[in-house]
Amino acid sequence: MSISDRVIAIIAEQAVLEPSDVSPDSTLEDLGIDSLGLVESIFAIEEEFDISIPFNANEPTQSDFDISNVAAIIAGIEKLVSEKA
């Protein structure tokens, strides 16, 4: 399973949707994920990939980690995973 598929599966689980309902263009808001769901998603992704996401839950828009849509989140995680390798 690719990084992309794994991230989409985690986000879909948080949104209580099927992975097929989550597109790269989807924003977390589109998917009905609130700030608590976002934090839970981040924790789940960190655990899944054994990475630390530079994410400030209190100031998500001020973070270096782009959460504007699913594709941006996947790209950020792929970068963190490759840096770890």
N, C-alpha and C. Protein backbone atom coordinates (compact mmCIF):
# COMPACT_ATOMS: atom_id res chain seq x y z
N MET A 1 0.86 -1.19 0.00
CA MET A 1 0.00 0.00 0.00
C MET A 1 0.90 1.25 0.00
N SER A 2 0.62 2.17 -0.88
CA SER A 2 1.45 3.38 -1.00
C SER A 2 1.22 4.33 0.18
N ILE A 3 2.13 5.29 0.32
CA ILE A 3 1.97 6.33 1.34
C ILE A 3 0.63 7.03 1.13
N SER A 4 0.36 7.37 -0.12
CA SER A 4 -0.88 8.07 -0.46
C SER A 4 -2.10 7.28 0.00
N ASP A 5 -2.13 5.98 -0.32
CA ASP A 5 -3.27 5.14 0.07
C ASP A 5 -3.41 5.05 1.59
N ARG A 6 -2.28 4.95 2.27
CA ARG A 6 -2.32 4.84 3.73
C ARG A 6 -2.83 6.14 4.36
N VAL A 7 -2.37 7.28 3.84
CA VAL A 7 -2.82 8.58 4.37
C VAL A 7 -4.31 8.75 4.11
N ILE A 8 -4.75 8.43 2.90
CA ILE A 8 -6.17 8.56 2.56
C ILE A 8 -7.01 7.65 3.47
N ALA A 9 -6.53 6.46 3.75
CA ALA A 9 -7.26 5.54 4.63
C ALA A 9 -7.42 6.14 6.03
N ILE A 10 -6.35 6.76 6.54
CA ILE A 10 -6.41 7.38 7.88
C ILE A 10 -7.38 8.56 7.88
N ILE A 11 -7.28 9.41 6.87
CA ILE A 11 -8.16 10.58 6.78
C ILE A 11 -9.61 10.13 6.62
N ALA A 12 -9.84 9.13 5.78
CA ALA A 12 -11.20 8.61 5.57
C ALA A 12 -11.77 8.07 6.88
N GLU A 13 -10.94 7.38 7.65
CA GLU A 13 -11.40 6.83 8.94
C GLU A 13 -11.82 7.97 9.87
N GLN A 14 -11.03 9.04 9.91
CA GLN A 14 -11.37 10.18 10.76
C GLN A 14 -12.67 10.84 10.31
N ALA A 15 -12.88 10.87 8.99
CA ALA A 15 -14.06 11.54 8.44
C ALA A 15 -15.28 10.62 8.40
N VAL A 16 -15.07 9.35 8.79
CA VAL A 16 -16.12 8.34 8.71
C VAL A 16 -16.66 8.25 7.28
N LEU A 17 -15.71 8.13 6.35
CA LEU A 17 -16.03 7.98 4.93
C LEU A 17 -15.28 6.77 4.39
N GLU A 18 -15.63 6.39 3.18
CA GLU A 18 -14.86 5.37 2.48
C GLU A 18 -13.64 6.06 1.85
N PRO A 19 -12.50 5.36 1.77
CA PRO A 19 -11.34 5.97 1.11
C PRO A 19 -11.66 6.48 -0.30
N SER A 20 -12.57 5.82 -0.99
CA SER A 20 -12.94 6.26 -2.34
C SER A 20 -13.65 7.62 -2.34
N ASP A 21 -14.15 8.05 -1.18
CA ASP A 21 -14.81 9.35 -1.07
C ASP A 21 -13.81 10.50 -0.84
N VAL A 22 -12.54 10.15 -0.61
CA VAL A 22 -11.51 11.15 -0.31
C VAL A 22 -10.67 11.35 -1.57
N SER A 23 -10.73 12.56 -2.13
CA SER A 23 -9.92 12.85 -3.32
C SER A 23 -8.73 13.73 -2.93
N PRO A 24 -7.68 13.74 -3.77
CA PRO A 24 -6.53 14.60 -3.46
C PRO A 24 -6.91 16.07 -3.32
N ASP A 25 -7.96 16.49 -4.02
CA ASP A 25 -8.39 17.88 -3.96
C ASP A 25 -9.25 18.20 -2.74
N SER A 26 -9.68 17.17 -2.02
CA SER A 26 -10.54 17.39 -0.85
C SER A 26 -9.81 18.19 0.21
N THR A 27 -10.50 19.16 0.79
CA THR A 27 -9.96 19.81 1.98
C THR A 27 -10.51 19.06 3.19
N LEU A 28 -9.86 19.24 4.33
CA LEU A 28 -10.36 18.58 5.54
C LEU A 28 -11.75 19.11 5.87
N GLU A 29 -11.97 20.38 5.60
CA GLU A 29 -13.28 20.98 5.82
C GLU A 29 -14.34 20.29 4.94
N ASP A 30 -14.00 20.06 3.66
CA ASP A 30 -14.92 19.36 2.75
C ASP A 30 -15.33 18.01 3.33
N LEU A 31 -14.38 17.36 4.00
CA LEU A 31 -14.60 16.01 4.52
C LEU A 31 -15.26 16.01 5.89
N GLY A 32 -15.47 17.22 6.44
CA GLY A 32 -16.12 17.32 7.74
C GLY A 32 -15.19 17.04 8.90
N ILE A 33 -13.88 17.19 8.67
CA ILE A 33 -12.91 16.97 9.75
C ILE A 33 -12.66 18.30 10.46
N ASP A 34 -12.97 18.33 11.76
CA ASP A 34 -12.78 19.55 12.54
C ASP A 34 -11.36 19.56 13.13
N SER A 35 -11.07 20.55 13.95
CA SER A 35 -9.71 20.69 14.49
C SER A 35 -9.31 19.48 15.34
N LEU A 36 -10.25 18.93 16.10
CA LEU A 36 -9.94 17.75 16.90
C LEU A 36 -9.66 16.56 15.98
N GLY A 37 -10.48 16.41 14.95
CA GLY A 37 -10.26 15.33 13.98
C GLY A 37 -8.93 15.47 13.27
N LEU A 38 -8.54 16.72 13.01
CA LEU A 38 -7.24 16.98 12.38
C LEU A 38 -6.12 16.51 13.29
N VAL A 39 -6.19 16.89 14.56
CA VAL A 39 -5.15 16.49 15.51
C VAL A 39 -5.09 14.96 15.61
N GLU A 40 -6.24 14.31 15.67
CA GLU A 40 -6.28 12.85 15.74
C GLU A 40 -5.69 12.24 14.47
N SER A 41 -5.97 12.85 13.32
CA SER A 41 -5.41 12.37 12.04
C SER A 41 -3.89 12.49 12.06
N ILE A 42 -3.40 13.64 12.52
CA ILE A 42 -1.95 13.86 12.59
C ILE A 42 -1.29 12.81 13.48
N PHE A 43 -1.88 12.57 14.67
CA PHE A 43 -1.32 11.55 15.56
C PHE A 43 -1.32 10.17 14.89
N ALA A 44 -2.41 9.83 14.23
CA ALA A 44 -2.51 8.52 13.57
C ALA A 44 -1.47 8.39 12.46
N ILE A 45 -1.27 9.47 11.70
CA ILE A 45 -0.29 9.46 10.61
C ILE A 45 1.12 9.35 11.18
N GLU A 46 1.41 10.10 12.24
CA GLU A 46 2.73 10.02 12.87
C GLU A 46 3.02 8.59 13.33
N GLU A 47 2.01 7.97 13.93
CA GLU A 47 2.18 6.60 14.42
C GLU A 47 2.37 5.63 13.26
N GLU A 48 1.56 5.78 12.21
CA GLU A 48 1.61 4.89 11.05
C GLU A 48 2.99 4.90 10.38
N PHE A 49 3.57 6.09 10.26
CA PHE A 49 4.83 6.24 9.51
C PHE A 49 6.05 6.45 10.41
N ASP A 50 5.83 6.47 11.73
CA ASP A 50 6.92 6.70 12.68
C ASP A 50 7.68 7.98 12.33
N ILE A 51 6.93 9.07 12.15
CA ILE A 51 7.50 10.38 11.84
C ILE A 51 6.94 11.40 12.82
N SER A 52 7.57 12.56 12.84
CA SER A 52 7.07 13.67 13.64
C SER A 52 6.69 14.80 12.69
N ILE A 53 5.44 15.19 12.70
CA ILE A 53 4.94 16.22 11.80
C ILE A 53 5.08 17.58 12.48
N PRO A 54 5.76 18.53 11.82
CA PRO A 54 5.93 19.86 12.41
C PRO A 54 4.64 20.65 12.31
N PHE A 55 3.74 20.34 13.22
CA PHE A 55 2.39 20.88 13.13
C PHE A 55 2.04 21.56 14.44
N ASN A 56 1.58 22.79 14.34
CA ASN A 56 1.15 23.52 15.53
C ASN A 56 -0.38 23.50 15.56
N ALA A 57 -0.93 22.68 16.43
CA ALA A 57 -2.39 22.51 16.48
C ALA A 57 -3.11 23.81 16.83
N ASN A 58 -2.43 24.70 17.57
CA ASN A 58 -3.06 25.96 17.95
C ASN A 58 -3.04 26.98 16.82
N GLU A 59 -2.09 26.85 15.90
CA GLU A 59 -1.94 27.80 14.79
C GLU A 59 -1.72 27.03 13.49
N PRO A 60 -2.68 26.22 13.08
CA PRO A 60 -2.44 25.36 11.91
C PRO A 60 -2.05 26.14 10.65
N THR A 61 -2.52 27.36 10.50
CA THR A 61 -2.18 28.12 9.31
C THR A 61 -0.76 28.67 9.37
N GLN A 62 -0.16 28.67 10.56
CA GLN A 62 1.21 29.17 10.71
C GLN A 62 2.24 28.05 10.63
N SER A 63 1.78 26.84 10.40
CA SER A 63 2.67 25.68 10.38
C SER A 63 3.44 25.61 9.07
N ASP A 64 4.61 24.97 9.12
CA ASP A 64 5.37 24.68 7.89
C ASP A 64 4.72 23.53 7.14
N PHE A 65 3.83 22.82 7.81
CA PHE A 65 3.20 21.64 7.21
C PHE A 65 1.88 22.05 6.57
N ASP A 66 1.79 21.89 5.26
CA ASP A 66 0.63 22.35 4.50
C ASP A 66 -0.53 21.37 4.65
N ILE A 67 -1.64 21.86 5.23
CA ILE A 67 -2.82 21.01 5.39
C ILE A 67 -3.98 21.55 4.55
N SER A 68 -3.65 22.27 3.46
CA SER A 68 -4.71 22.91 2.68
C SER A 68 -5.62 21.90 1.99
N ASN A 69 -5.07 20.75 1.60
CA ASN A 69 -5.91 19.69 1.03
C ASN A 69 -5.19 18.35 1.19
N VAL A 70 -5.87 17.29 0.78
CA VAL A 70 -5.34 15.94 0.98
C VAL A 70 -4.02 15.77 0.22
N ALA A 71 -3.94 16.27 -1.01
CA ALA A 71 -2.71 16.13 -1.80
C ALA A 71 -1.53 16.80 -1.10
N ALA A 72 -1.75 17.98 -0.50
CA ALA A 72 -0.68 18.69 0.20
C ALA A 72 -0.22 17.90 1.43
N ILE A 73 -1.17 17.31 2.13
CA ILE A 73 -0.83 16.50 3.30
C ILE A 73 0.01 15.30 2.88
N ILE A 74 -0.42 14.63 1.81
CA ILE A 74 0.33 13.46 1.31
C ILE A 74 1.74 13.87 0.90
N ALA A 75 1.86 14.99 0.18
CA ALA A 75 3.18 15.47 -0.26
C ALA A 75 4.08 15.75 0.94
N GLY A 76 3.52 16.38 1.97
CA GLY A 76 4.30 16.67 3.17
C GLY A 76 4.76 15.41 3.87
N ILE A 77 3.89 14.41 3.93
CA ILE A 77 4.25 13.15 4.60
C ILE A 77 5.29 12.40 3.78
N GLU A 78 5.13 12.39 2.45
CA GLU A 78 6.13 11.72 1.60
C GLU A 78 7.52 12.35 1.81
N LYS A 79 7.55 13.68 1.94
CA LYS A 79 8.82 14.39 2.16
C LYS A 79 9.42 13.98 3.51
N LEU A 80 8.60 13.95 4.57
CA LEU A 80 9.09 13.58 5.89
C LEU A 80 9.59 12.13 5.91
N VAL A 81 8.85 11.24 5.23
CA VAL A 81 9.24 9.83 5.20
C VAL A 81 10.57 9.68 4.44
N SER A 82 10.73 10.41 3.33
CA SER A 82 11.98 10.29 2.56
C SER A 82 13.15 10.89 3.33
N GLU A 83 12.91 11.95 4.10
CA GLU A 83 13.99 12.53 4.90
C GLU A 83 14.42 11.58 6.03
N LYS A 84 13.48 10.80 6.51
CA LYS A 84 13.76 9.87 7.59
C LYS A 84 14.57 8.67 7.09
N ALA A 85 14.33 8.29 5.84
CA ALA A 85 14.93 7.07 5.27
C ALA A 85 16.45 7.12 5.17
